[in-house]
Amino acid sequence: MKILLMTEDLAIQRRFTSVFQLGGDAPLQICTTLHEAELLMPDKSDRPLLAVDFGTPGLGGLKAITRLIKARPNARVVLLMQAPTLTVARQALRLGVTGCIPAHLSNADLKAALTLAQGRSDLIVLPQGSLSKSGNEGLLSRREEQILALLCDGQQNKEIAHTFGIQEVTVKMHMRSVIRKLGARNRTHAAMIARDRGMV
């Protein structure tokens, strides 16, 4: 199976290279943008595994990943996340992602996780002890998480209101709550915090 890695992070690139190229287990290609990834992925014939560094600048969040999955339904997409959470992982899997794993696994764990991701099951790998920590889990209500995700995808209050069939004033109320709970200064800062924490 072909493995395609999308990241600008040199440490992640080196880890993948040492695991897959030196081991000779699978052909590995590296790119830095989703556009490059689409060009390198076959349309139909093969089922490549695409590992996407979710911390890549300008990626576009889960919305961009969803577009890629729709364009290349034959691919299996694994998100490499700096701080994976169960909430974000579940949302990603609902959108068609195959797996969510920490970005900096050991070589042995990385190889094992990607081998599992090539099978028929979806995969979530969380840092040890993360389920016993409160972290970001439960910080926001389900609706607030949904609104935050659309905010991070660049939607304005009016568009978010239309998406959920609610009033714009209701979106503003939820947005104020999100900003307060995250300790953010404004909408943009809330989106930055959410991305840094791996919440979307």
N, C-alpha and C. Protein backbone atom coordinates (compact mmCIF):
# COMPACT_ATOMS: atom_id res chain seq x y z
N MET A 1 0.84 -1.19 0.00
CA MET A 1 0.00 0.00 0.00
C MET A 1 0.87 1.25 0.00
N LYS A 2 0.47 2.22 -0.78
CA LYS A 2 1.18 3.48 -0.86
C LYS A 2 0.84 4.34 0.37
N ILE A 3 1.86 4.95 0.96
CA ILE A 3 1.65 5.85 2.08
C ILE A 3 2.09 7.25 1.67
N LEU A 4 1.19 8.19 1.84
CA LEU A 4 1.46 9.58 1.50
C LEU A 4 1.39 10.40 2.78
N LEU A 5 2.45 11.14 3.07
CA LEU A 5 2.51 11.97 4.27
C LEU A 5 2.42 13.42 3.89
N MET A 6 1.48 14.15 4.53
CA MET A 6 1.36 15.59 4.29
C MET A 6 1.72 16.34 5.56
N THR A 7 2.89 16.98 5.55
CA THR A 7 3.33 17.76 6.70
C THR A 7 4.49 18.66 6.32
N GLU A 8 4.61 19.78 7.06
CA GLU A 8 5.80 20.64 6.93
C GLU A 8 6.78 20.36 8.07
N ASP A 9 6.35 19.54 9.04
CA ASP A 9 7.15 19.25 10.23
C ASP A 9 8.28 18.27 9.88
N LEU A 10 9.52 18.76 9.97
CA LEU A 10 10.66 17.93 9.58
C LEU A 10 10.84 16.72 10.49
N ALA A 11 10.50 16.87 11.78
CA ALA A 11 10.63 15.75 12.71
C ALA A 11 9.69 14.62 12.32
N ILE A 12 8.45 14.96 11.95
CA ILE A 12 7.50 13.94 11.51
C ILE A 12 7.96 13.31 10.20
N GLN A 13 8.48 14.12 9.29
CA GLN A 13 8.99 13.59 8.03
C GLN A 13 10.11 12.58 8.27
N ARG A 14 11.04 12.92 9.17
CA ARG A 14 12.16 12.02 9.46
C ARG A 14 11.67 10.71 10.07
N ARG A 15 10.68 10.81 10.97
CA ARG A 15 10.17 9.59 11.62
C ARG A 15 9.54 8.66 10.58
N PHE A 16 8.70 9.20 9.72
CA PHE A 16 8.06 8.38 8.69
C PHE A 16 9.11 7.78 7.76
N THR A 17 10.11 8.57 7.40
CA THR A 17 11.15 8.08 6.50
C THR A 17 11.90 6.91 7.12
N SER A 18 12.25 7.05 8.39
CA SER A 18 13.00 5.97 9.05
C SER A 18 12.14 4.72 9.20
N VAL A 19 10.85 4.89 9.45
CA VAL A 19 9.98 3.73 9.65
C VAL A 19 9.65 3.03 8.33
N PHE A 20 9.33 3.80 7.29
CA PHE A 20 8.78 3.19 6.09
C PHE A 20 9.76 3.08 4.92
N GLN A 21 10.64 4.06 4.74
CA GLN A 21 11.56 3.93 3.61
C GLN A 21 12.71 3.00 3.95
N LEU A 22 13.32 3.15 5.12
CA LEU A 22 14.44 2.30 5.48
C LEU A 22 13.97 0.88 5.73
N GLY A 23 12.75 0.75 6.27
CA GLY A 23 12.22 -0.58 6.51
C GLY A 23 11.77 -1.28 5.23
N GLY A 24 11.53 -0.49 4.19
CA GLY A 24 11.11 -1.07 2.92
C GLY A 24 9.73 -1.68 2.96
N ASP A 25 8.93 -1.30 3.96
CA ASP A 25 7.60 -1.92 4.09
C ASP A 25 6.58 -1.35 3.10
N ALA A 26 6.71 -0.08 2.78
CA ALA A 26 5.72 0.55 1.91
C ALA A 26 6.34 1.75 1.21
N PRO A 27 5.93 2.01 -0.04
CA PRO A 27 6.43 3.20 -0.72
C PRO A 27 5.90 4.45 -0.02
N LEU A 28 6.78 5.39 0.28
CA LEU A 28 6.40 6.61 1.01
C LEU A 28 6.67 7.83 0.15
N GLN A 29 5.68 8.71 0.09
CA GLN A 29 5.85 10.00 -0.57
C GLN A 29 5.49 11.09 0.43
N ILE A 30 6.18 12.23 0.34
CA ILE A 30 5.94 13.33 1.26
C ILE A 30 5.56 14.58 0.48
N CYS A 31 4.51 15.27 0.97
CA CYS A 31 4.11 16.54 0.39
C CYS A 31 3.76 17.50 1.52
N THR A 32 3.50 18.76 1.20
CA THR A 32 3.26 19.75 2.26
C THR A 32 1.89 20.41 2.18
N THR A 33 1.10 20.15 1.13
CA THR A 33 -0.23 20.77 1.01
C THR A 33 -1.26 19.73 0.57
N LEU A 34 -2.53 20.02 0.83
CA LEU A 34 -3.60 19.12 0.39
C LEU A 34 -3.68 19.06 -1.13
N HIS A 35 -3.38 20.17 -1.78
CA HIS A 35 -3.41 20.19 -3.25
C HIS A 35 -2.38 19.21 -3.81
N GLU A 36 -1.18 19.23 -3.24
CA GLU A 36 -0.15 18.27 -3.66
C GLU A 36 -0.62 16.84 -3.40
N ALA A 37 -1.23 16.63 -2.23
CA ALA A 37 -1.70 15.29 -1.88
C ALA A 37 -2.71 14.78 -2.90
N GLU A 38 -3.64 15.63 -3.30
CA GLU A 38 -4.65 15.23 -4.29
C GLU A 38 -4.00 14.83 -5.60
N LEU A 39 -2.97 15.58 -6.01
CA LEU A 39 -2.29 15.28 -7.27
C LEU A 39 -1.53 13.95 -7.20
N LEU A 40 -1.01 13.62 -6.03
CA LEU A 40 -0.23 12.40 -5.87
C LEU A 40 -1.08 11.16 -5.64
N MET A 41 -2.36 11.38 -5.28
CA MET A 41 -3.24 10.24 -4.99
C MET A 41 -3.97 9.79 -6.24
N PRO A 42 -3.98 8.48 -6.53
CA PRO A 42 -4.69 7.98 -7.71
C PRO A 42 -6.20 8.17 -7.56
N ASP A 43 -6.89 8.25 -8.68
CA ASP A 43 -8.34 8.47 -8.64
C ASP A 43 -9.11 7.24 -8.16
N LYS A 44 -8.79 6.08 -8.67
CA LYS A 44 -9.64 4.92 -8.37
C LYS A 44 -8.86 3.64 -8.04
N SER A 45 -7.81 3.38 -8.76
CA SER A 45 -7.23 2.04 -8.76
C SER A 45 -6.71 1.57 -7.40
N ASP A 46 -5.94 2.39 -6.73
CA ASP A 46 -5.29 1.98 -5.49
C ASP A 46 -6.04 2.52 -4.28
N ARG A 47 -5.70 2.02 -3.07
CA ARG A 47 -6.26 2.55 -1.84
C ARG A 47 -5.12 3.09 -0.98
N PRO A 48 -4.62 4.29 -1.31
CA PRO A 48 -3.48 4.82 -0.57
C PRO A 48 -3.88 5.24 0.85
N LEU A 49 -2.89 5.27 1.73
CA LEU A 49 -3.11 5.78 3.08
C LEU A 49 -2.48 7.16 3.14
N LEU A 50 -3.28 8.17 3.45
CA LEU A 50 -2.79 9.55 3.55
C LEU A 50 -2.73 9.95 5.01
N ALA A 51 -1.54 10.23 5.51
CA ALA A 51 -1.36 10.72 6.88
C ALA A 51 -1.22 12.23 6.83
N VAL A 52 -2.16 12.93 7.45
CA VAL A 52 -2.21 14.40 7.38
C VAL A 52 -1.86 14.99 8.74
N ASP A 53 -0.83 15.84 8.76
CA ASP A 53 -0.48 16.57 9.98
C ASP A 53 -1.54 17.65 10.18
N PHE A 54 -2.40 17.47 11.19
CA PHE A 54 -3.52 18.39 11.41
C PHE A 54 -3.04 19.77 11.88
N GLY A 55 -1.77 19.87 12.25
CA GLY A 55 -1.21 21.15 12.67
C GLY A 55 -0.59 21.94 11.53
N THR A 56 -0.73 21.47 10.30
CA THR A 56 -0.15 22.16 9.15
C THR A 56 -0.77 23.54 8.98
N PRO A 57 0.03 24.61 8.91
CA PRO A 57 -0.52 25.96 8.71
C PRO A 57 -1.35 26.05 7.43
N GLY A 58 -2.51 26.69 7.54
CA GLY A 58 -3.36 26.90 6.38
C GLY A 58 -4.09 25.66 5.89
N LEU A 59 -4.14 24.62 6.71
CA LEU A 59 -4.80 23.38 6.29
C LEU A 59 -6.28 23.58 6.00
N GLY A 60 -6.97 24.31 6.88
CA GLY A 60 -8.40 24.53 6.68
C GLY A 60 -9.29 23.65 7.52
N GLY A 61 -8.70 22.97 8.52
CA GLY A 61 -9.49 22.21 9.47
C GLY A 61 -10.20 21.01 8.86
N LEU A 62 -11.21 20.52 9.58
CA LEU A 62 -11.93 19.31 9.16
C LEU A 62 -12.71 19.52 7.87
N LYS A 63 -13.06 20.78 7.58
CA LYS A 63 -13.80 21.06 6.35
C LYS A 63 -12.96 20.70 5.13
N ALA A 64 -11.67 21.06 5.16
CA ALA A 64 -10.77 20.75 4.05
C ALA A 64 -10.55 19.24 3.95
N ILE A 65 -10.44 18.58 5.09
CA ILE A 65 -10.25 17.12 5.09
C ILE A 65 -11.47 16.43 4.49
N THR A 66 -12.66 16.94 4.83
CA THR A 66 -13.91 16.36 4.29
C THR A 66 -13.95 16.49 2.77
N ARG A 67 -13.54 17.66 2.27
CA ARG A 67 -13.50 17.85 0.80
C ARG A 67 -12.56 16.85 0.14
N LEU A 68 -11.42 16.62 0.76
CA LEU A 68 -10.44 15.68 0.21
C LEU A 68 -11.02 14.26 0.18
N ILE A 69 -11.67 13.87 1.26
CA ILE A 69 -12.25 12.52 1.34
C ILE A 69 -13.32 12.33 0.27
N LYS A 70 -14.12 13.36 0.05
CA LYS A 70 -15.15 13.27 -0.99
C LYS A 70 -14.52 13.17 -2.38
N ALA A 71 -13.39 13.88 -2.57
CA ALA A 71 -12.73 13.85 -3.88
C ALA A 71 -11.97 12.55 -4.11
N ARG A 72 -11.49 11.92 -3.02
CA ARG A 72 -10.73 10.67 -3.13
C ARG A 72 -11.30 9.63 -2.16
N PRO A 73 -12.51 9.14 -2.43
CA PRO A 73 -13.17 8.21 -1.49
C PRO A 73 -12.43 6.88 -1.33
N ASN A 74 -11.51 6.58 -2.24
CA ASN A 74 -10.76 5.33 -2.14
C ASN A 74 -9.63 5.41 -1.11
N ALA A 75 -9.26 6.62 -0.70
CA ALA A 75 -8.12 6.79 0.22
C ALA A 75 -8.55 6.56 1.67
N ARG A 76 -7.59 6.16 2.48
CA ARG A 76 -7.78 6.06 3.92
C ARG A 76 -6.98 7.19 4.54
N VAL A 77 -7.66 8.10 5.24
CA VAL A 77 -7.03 9.30 5.78
C VAL A 77 -6.84 9.17 7.29
N VAL A 78 -5.61 9.38 7.73
CA VAL A 78 -5.28 9.35 9.16
C VAL A 78 -4.79 10.75 9.55
N LEU A 79 -5.39 11.31 10.60
CA LEU A 79 -4.97 12.62 11.10
C LEU A 79 -3.88 12.44 12.15
N LEU A 80 -2.78 13.19 11.99
CA LEU A 80 -1.72 13.25 12.99
C LEU A 80 -1.97 14.51 13.81
N MET A 81 -2.29 14.36 15.09
CA MET A 81 -2.70 15.50 15.90
C MET A 81 -1.73 15.73 17.05
N GLN A 82 -1.43 17.01 17.30
CA GLN A 82 -0.51 17.37 18.38
C GLN A 82 -1.11 17.02 19.74
N ALA A 83 -2.39 17.29 19.91
CA ALA A 83 -3.07 17.00 21.18
C ALA A 83 -4.44 16.40 20.90
N PRO A 84 -4.48 15.14 20.47
CA PRO A 84 -5.75 14.54 20.10
C PRO A 84 -6.70 14.41 21.29
N THR A 85 -7.98 14.68 21.04
CA THR A 85 -9.01 14.50 22.06
C THR A 85 -10.08 13.58 21.49
N LEU A 86 -10.79 12.92 22.38
CA LEU A 86 -11.82 11.99 21.95
C LEU A 86 -12.93 12.70 21.18
N THR A 87 -13.27 13.91 21.59
CA THR A 87 -14.34 14.67 20.92
C THR A 87 -13.99 14.94 19.47
N VAL A 88 -12.79 15.47 19.23
CA VAL A 88 -12.37 15.79 17.87
C VAL A 88 -12.21 14.52 17.05
N ALA A 89 -11.64 13.48 17.65
CA ALA A 89 -11.44 12.22 16.94
C ALA A 89 -12.77 11.64 16.48
N ARG A 90 -13.76 11.65 17.37
CA ARG A 90 -15.08 11.12 17.00
C ARG A 90 -15.69 11.93 15.85
N GLN A 91 -15.56 13.25 15.93
CA GLN A 91 -16.10 14.11 14.88
C GLN A 91 -15.41 13.81 13.55
N ALA A 92 -14.09 13.64 13.58
CA ALA A 92 -13.33 13.35 12.36
C ALA A 92 -13.75 12.01 11.75
N LEU A 93 -13.93 11.00 12.60
CA LEU A 93 -14.34 9.68 12.09
C LEU A 93 -15.74 9.74 11.49
N ARG A 94 -16.62 10.55 12.08
CA ARG A 94 -17.97 10.71 11.51
C ARG A 94 -17.89 11.32 10.11
N LEU A 95 -16.87 12.13 9.86
CA LEU A 95 -16.73 12.80 8.57
C LEU A 95 -16.01 11.94 7.53
N GLY A 96 -15.56 10.75 7.95
CA GLY A 96 -14.93 9.85 6.99
C GLY A 96 -13.45 9.59 7.18
N VAL A 97 -12.85 10.22 8.19
CA VAL A 97 -11.44 9.96 8.50
C VAL A 97 -11.32 8.53 9.03
N THR A 98 -10.25 7.84 8.68
CA THR A 98 -10.03 6.46 9.11
C THR A 98 -9.47 6.38 10.52
N GLY A 99 -8.56 7.32 10.87
CA GLY A 99 -7.93 7.25 12.18
C GLY A 99 -7.40 8.59 12.65
N CYS A 100 -7.26 8.73 13.96
CA CYS A 100 -6.67 9.91 14.59
C CYS A 100 -5.61 9.41 15.58
N ILE A 101 -4.38 9.87 15.39
CA ILE A 101 -3.29 9.42 16.25
C ILE A 101 -2.42 10.60 16.64
N PRO A 102 -1.69 10.50 17.76
CA PRO A 102 -0.77 11.57 18.14
C PRO A 102 0.30 11.75 17.06
N ALA A 103 0.71 12.99 16.83
CA ALA A 103 1.66 13.29 15.77
C ALA A 103 3.05 12.74 16.07
N HIS A 104 3.39 12.61 17.35
CA HIS A 104 4.76 12.21 17.69
C HIS A 104 4.79 10.88 18.44
N LEU A 105 4.35 9.82 17.76
CA LEU A 105 4.45 8.47 18.31
C LEU A 105 5.87 7.95 18.12
N SER A 106 6.24 6.96 18.91
CA SER A 106 7.53 6.29 18.69
C SER A 106 7.46 5.55 17.36
N ASN A 107 8.61 5.18 16.83
CA ASN A 107 8.64 4.48 15.55
C ASN A 107 7.80 3.20 15.57
N ALA A 108 7.95 2.43 16.64
CA ALA A 108 7.21 1.16 16.73
C ALA A 108 5.70 1.40 16.81
N ASP A 109 5.29 2.39 17.62
CA ASP A 109 3.86 2.68 17.76
C ASP A 109 3.29 3.25 16.47
N LEU A 110 4.06 4.08 15.78
CA LEU A 110 3.60 4.66 14.52
C LEU A 110 3.36 3.56 13.49
N LYS A 111 4.32 2.65 13.39
CA LYS A 111 4.18 1.55 12.43
C LYS A 111 2.96 0.70 12.76
N ALA A 112 2.76 0.40 14.04
CA ALA A 112 1.62 -0.42 14.46
C ALA A 112 0.30 0.29 14.16
N ALA A 113 0.23 1.59 14.48
CA ALA A 113 -1.01 2.35 14.27
C ALA A 113 -1.37 2.43 12.79
N LEU A 114 -0.39 2.70 11.93
CA LEU A 114 -0.68 2.82 10.51
C LEU A 114 -0.97 1.47 9.87
N THR A 115 -0.39 0.41 10.41
CA THR A 115 -0.74 -0.93 9.93
C THR A 115 -2.20 -1.23 10.24
N LEU A 116 -2.65 -0.87 11.45
CA LEU A 116 -4.06 -1.06 11.81
C LEU A 116 -4.97 -0.19 10.94
N ALA A 117 -4.52 1.03 10.65
CA ALA A 117 -5.34 1.96 9.84
C ALA A 117 -5.54 1.45 8.42
N GLN A 118 -4.66 0.56 7.96
CA GLN A 118 -4.80 0.02 6.62
C GLN A 118 -5.85 -1.09 6.56
N GLY A 119 -6.30 -1.54 7.73
CA GLY A 119 -7.31 -2.60 7.79
C GLY A 119 -8.72 -2.07 7.63
N ARG A 120 -9.68 -2.81 8.16
CA ARG A 120 -11.09 -2.46 7.96
C ARG A 120 -11.69 -1.67 9.12
N SER A 121 -10.90 -1.39 10.15
CA SER A 121 -11.44 -0.72 11.33
C SER A 121 -11.00 0.74 11.40
N ASP A 122 -11.84 1.57 12.02
CA ASP A 122 -11.45 2.94 12.34
C ASP A 122 -10.57 2.91 13.59
N LEU A 123 -9.77 3.96 13.76
CA LEU A 123 -8.76 3.93 14.80
C LEU A 123 -8.63 5.27 15.52
N ILE A 124 -8.67 5.24 16.85
CA ILE A 124 -8.38 6.42 17.66
C ILE A 124 -7.29 6.03 18.65
N VAL A 125 -6.16 6.74 18.61
CA VAL A 125 -5.08 6.50 19.56
C VAL A 125 -4.89 7.79 20.36
N LEU A 126 -5.04 7.69 21.68
CA LEU A 126 -4.90 8.85 22.56
C LEU A 126 -3.70 8.64 23.48
N PRO A 127 -3.05 9.74 23.88
CA PRO A 127 -1.94 9.61 24.84
C PRO A 127 -2.42 8.93 26.11
N GLN A 128 -1.55 8.14 26.71
CA GLN A 128 -1.92 7.38 27.91
C GLN A 128 -2.42 8.31 29.01
N GLY A 129 -3.55 7.94 29.61
CA GLY A 129 -4.11 8.72 30.70
C GLY A 129 -5.00 9.87 30.27
N SER A 130 -5.14 10.09 28.95
CA SER A 130 -5.91 11.26 28.51
C SER A 130 -7.39 11.15 28.82
N LEU A 131 -7.91 9.93 28.88
CA LEU A 131 -9.34 9.77 29.17
C LEU A 131 -9.66 10.05 30.64
N SER A 132 -8.65 10.01 31.49
CA SER A 132 -8.89 10.28 32.91
C SER A 132 -8.68 11.74 33.25
N LYS A 133 -8.24 12.52 32.24
CA LYS A 133 -8.04 13.95 32.47
C LYS A 133 -9.25 14.71 31.96
N SER A 134 -9.56 15.79 32.62
CA SER A 134 -10.71 16.57 32.16
C SER A 134 -10.40 17.27 30.86
N GLY A 135 -9.22 17.90 30.76
CA GLY A 135 -8.80 18.59 29.54
C GLY A 135 -9.88 19.48 28.97
N ASN A 136 -10.11 19.31 27.66
CA ASN A 136 -11.15 20.09 26.98
C ASN A 136 -12.48 19.33 26.95
N GLU A 137 -12.46 18.06 27.35
CA GLU A 137 -13.67 17.26 27.27
C GLU A 137 -14.74 17.83 28.19
N GLY A 138 -15.92 18.05 27.66
CA GLY A 138 -17.02 18.55 28.46
C GLY A 138 -16.97 20.04 28.73
N LEU A 139 -15.94 20.71 28.23
CA LEU A 139 -15.82 22.15 28.45
C LEU A 139 -16.95 22.89 27.73
N LEU A 140 -17.22 22.48 26.50
CA LEU A 140 -18.26 23.12 25.69
C LEU A 140 -19.44 22.17 25.51
N SER A 141 -20.61 22.77 25.33
CA SER A 141 -21.78 21.96 25.01
C SER A 141 -21.65 21.44 23.57
N ARG A 142 -22.48 20.47 23.21
CA ARG A 142 -22.42 19.93 21.84
C ARG A 142 -22.66 21.02 20.81
N ARG A 143 -23.64 21.88 21.04
CA ARG A 143 -23.93 22.96 20.09
C ARG A 143 -22.76 23.94 20.01
N GLU A 144 -22.15 24.23 21.16
CA GLU A 144 -21.00 25.14 21.16
C GLU A 144 -19.84 24.52 20.38
N GLU A 145 -19.62 23.21 20.51
CA GLU A 145 -18.57 22.54 19.74
C GLU A 145 -18.85 22.64 18.25
N GLN A 146 -20.13 22.45 17.87
CA GLN A 146 -20.50 22.52 16.46
C GLN A 146 -20.27 23.92 15.91
N ILE A 147 -20.68 24.92 16.68
CA ILE A 147 -20.51 26.31 16.24
C ILE A 147 -19.03 26.67 16.16
N LEU A 148 -18.24 26.21 17.13
CA LEU A 148 -16.81 26.47 17.11
C LEU A 148 -16.16 25.84 15.88
N ALA A 149 -16.58 24.64 15.52
CA ALA A 149 -16.03 23.97 14.33
C ALA A 149 -16.32 24.77 13.07
N LEU A 150 -17.55 25.31 12.95
CA LEU A 150 -17.89 26.11 11.77
C LEU A 150 -17.17 27.45 11.78
N LEU A 151 -16.97 28.02 12.99
CA LEU A 151 -16.18 29.24 13.11
C LEU A 151 -14.77 29.01 12.57
N CYS A 152 -14.18 27.87 12.96
CA CYS A 152 -12.82 27.55 12.52
C CYS A 152 -12.77 27.26 11.02
N ASP A 153 -13.91 26.90 10.43
CA ASP A 153 -13.97 26.70 8.99
C ASP A 153 -14.20 28.01 8.24
N GLY A 154 -14.26 29.12 9.00
CA GLY A 154 -14.37 30.44 8.37
C GLY A 154 -15.78 30.95 8.17
N GLN A 155 -16.78 30.29 8.74
CA GLN A 155 -18.16 30.74 8.55
C GLN A 155 -18.50 31.90 9.48
N GLN A 156 -19.33 32.80 8.99
CA GLN A 156 -19.82 33.94 9.78
C GLN A 156 -21.08 33.52 10.52
N ASN A 157 -21.49 34.34 11.49
CA ASN A 157 -22.67 34.02 12.31
C ASN A 157 -23.91 33.73 11.47
N LYS A 158 -24.10 34.51 10.42
CA LYS A 158 -25.28 34.34 9.57
C LYS A 158 -25.27 32.97 8.89
N GLU A 159 -24.09 32.55 8.40
CA GLU A 159 -23.97 31.24 7.75
C GLU A 159 -24.18 30.11 8.75
N ILE A 160 -23.63 30.28 9.96
CA ILE A 160 -23.78 29.26 10.99
C ILE A 160 -25.26 29.12 11.37
N ALA A 161 -25.94 30.25 11.51
CA ALA A 161 -27.37 30.23 11.84
C ALA A 161 -28.16 29.48 10.77
N HIS A 162 -27.82 29.73 9.51
CA HIS A 162 -28.51 29.06 8.40
C HIS A 162 -28.25 27.56 8.44
N THR A 163 -27.00 27.16 8.76
CA THR A 163 -26.63 25.75 8.81
C THR A 163 -27.49 24.99 9.81
N PHE A 164 -27.71 25.59 10.98
CA PHE A 164 -28.44 24.90 12.05
C PHE A 164 -29.92 25.27 12.11
N GLY A 165 -30.34 26.20 11.25
CA GLY A 165 -31.74 26.60 11.26
C GLY A 165 -32.14 27.33 12.52
N ILE A 166 -31.23 28.16 13.03
CA ILE A 166 -31.50 28.92 14.25
C ILE A 166 -31.32 30.40 13.96
N GLN A 167 -31.72 31.24 14.92
CA GLN A 167 -31.58 32.68 14.75
C GLN A 167 -30.12 33.10 14.93
N GLU A 168 -29.74 34.18 14.23
CA GLU A 168 -28.37 34.68 14.34
C GLU A 168 -28.06 35.12 15.77
N VAL A 169 -29.06 35.65 16.46
CA VAL A 169 -28.85 36.09 17.84
C VAL A 169 -28.50 34.90 18.75
N THR A 170 -29.07 33.73 18.42
CA THR A 170 -28.75 32.52 19.19
C THR A 170 -27.30 32.11 18.96
N VAL A 171 -26.84 32.22 17.71
CA VAL A 171 -25.45 31.92 17.40
C VAL A 171 -24.52 32.86 18.19
N LYS A 172 -24.89 34.15 18.23
CA LYS A 172 -24.07 35.13 18.96
C LYS A 172 -24.00 34.78 20.45
N MET A 173 -25.12 34.31 20.99
CA MET A 173 -25.15 33.93 22.40
C MET A 173 -24.20 32.75 22.65
N HIS A 174 -24.27 31.74 21.78
CA HIS A 174 -23.37 30.59 21.91
C HIS A 174 -21.92 31.02 21.72
N MET A 175 -21.68 31.92 20.78
CA MET A 175 -20.32 32.37 20.51
C MET A 175 -19.73 33.09 21.72
N ARG A 176 -20.54 33.91 22.38
CA ARG A 176 -20.06 34.59 23.59
C ARG A 176 -19.69 33.58 24.67
N SER A 177 -20.50 32.52 24.78
CA SER A 177 -20.22 31.48 25.76
C SER A 177 -18.93 30.74 25.43
N VAL A 178 -18.70 30.44 24.15
CA VAL A 178 -17.48 29.77 23.71
C VAL A 178 -16.26 30.63 24.04
N ILE A 179 -16.34 31.91 23.71
CA ILE A 179 -15.23 32.83 23.96
C ILE A 179 -14.91 32.90 25.45
N ARG A 180 -15.97 32.96 26.26
CA ARG A 180 -15.76 33.03 27.72
C ARG A 180 -15.14 31.75 28.25
N LYS A 181 -15.66 30.59 27.85
CA LYS A 181 -15.17 29.31 28.35
C LYS A 181 -13.73 29.04 27.93
N LEU A 182 -13.34 29.50 26.75
CA LEU A 182 -11.98 29.29 26.28
C LEU A 182 -11.01 30.36 26.78
N GLY A 183 -11.56 31.41 27.42
CA GLY A 183 -10.71 32.50 27.88
C GLY A 183 -10.14 33.30 26.73
N ALA A 184 -10.90 33.38 25.65
CA ALA A 184 -10.43 34.08 24.45
C ALA A 184 -10.81 35.55 24.48
N ARG A 185 -10.12 36.33 23.66
CA ARG A 185 -10.42 37.78 23.56
C ARG A 185 -11.56 38.05 22.58
N ASN A 186 -11.63 37.24 21.52
CA ASN A 186 -12.64 37.44 20.48
C ASN A 186 -12.80 36.16 19.67
N ARG A 187 -13.59 36.22 18.62
CA ARG A 187 -13.85 35.04 17.77
C ARG A 187 -12.57 34.46 17.19
N THR A 188 -11.74 35.33 16.65
CA THR A 188 -10.50 34.88 16.01
C THR A 188 -9.59 34.19 17.02
N HIS A 189 -9.48 34.78 18.21
CA HIS A 189 -8.66 34.18 19.26
C HIS A 189 -9.23 32.83 19.69
N ALA A 190 -10.55 32.73 19.76
CA ALA A 190 -11.19 31.46 20.12
C ALA A 190 -10.84 30.38 19.09
N ALA A 191 -10.87 30.75 17.82
CA ALA A 191 -10.53 29.79 16.77
C ALA A 191 -9.07 29.35 16.89
N MET A 192 -8.19 30.28 17.20
CA MET A 192 -6.77 29.95 17.36
C MET A 192 -6.56 29.00 18.54
N ILE A 193 -7.23 29.29 19.66
CA ILE A 193 -7.13 28.42 20.83
C ILE A 193 -7.63 27.02 20.50
N ALA A 194 -8.77 26.95 19.80
CA ALA A 194 -9.36 25.66 19.45
C ALA A 194 -8.40 24.84 18.59
N ARG A 195 -7.76 25.48 17.64
CA ARG A 195 -6.80 24.75 16.77
C ARG A 195 -5.59 24.31 17.55
N ASP A 196 -5.08 25.19 18.42
CA ASP A 196 -3.89 24.85 19.21
C ASP A 196 -4.16 23.66 20.14
N ARG A 197 -5.38 23.58 20.66
CA ARG A 197 -5.72 22.50 21.58
C ARG A 197 -6.22 21.23 20.87
N GLY A 198 -6.32 21.32 19.53
CA GLY A 198 -6.81 20.16 18.79
C GLY A 198 -8.28 19.91 18.98
N MET A 199 -9.04 20.98 19.24
CA MET A 199 -10.47 20.81 19.51
C MET A 199 -11.28 20.72 18.23
N VAL A 200 -10.73 21.16 17.10
CA VAL A 200 -11.46 21.11 15.83
C VAL A 200 -10.55 20.55 14.75
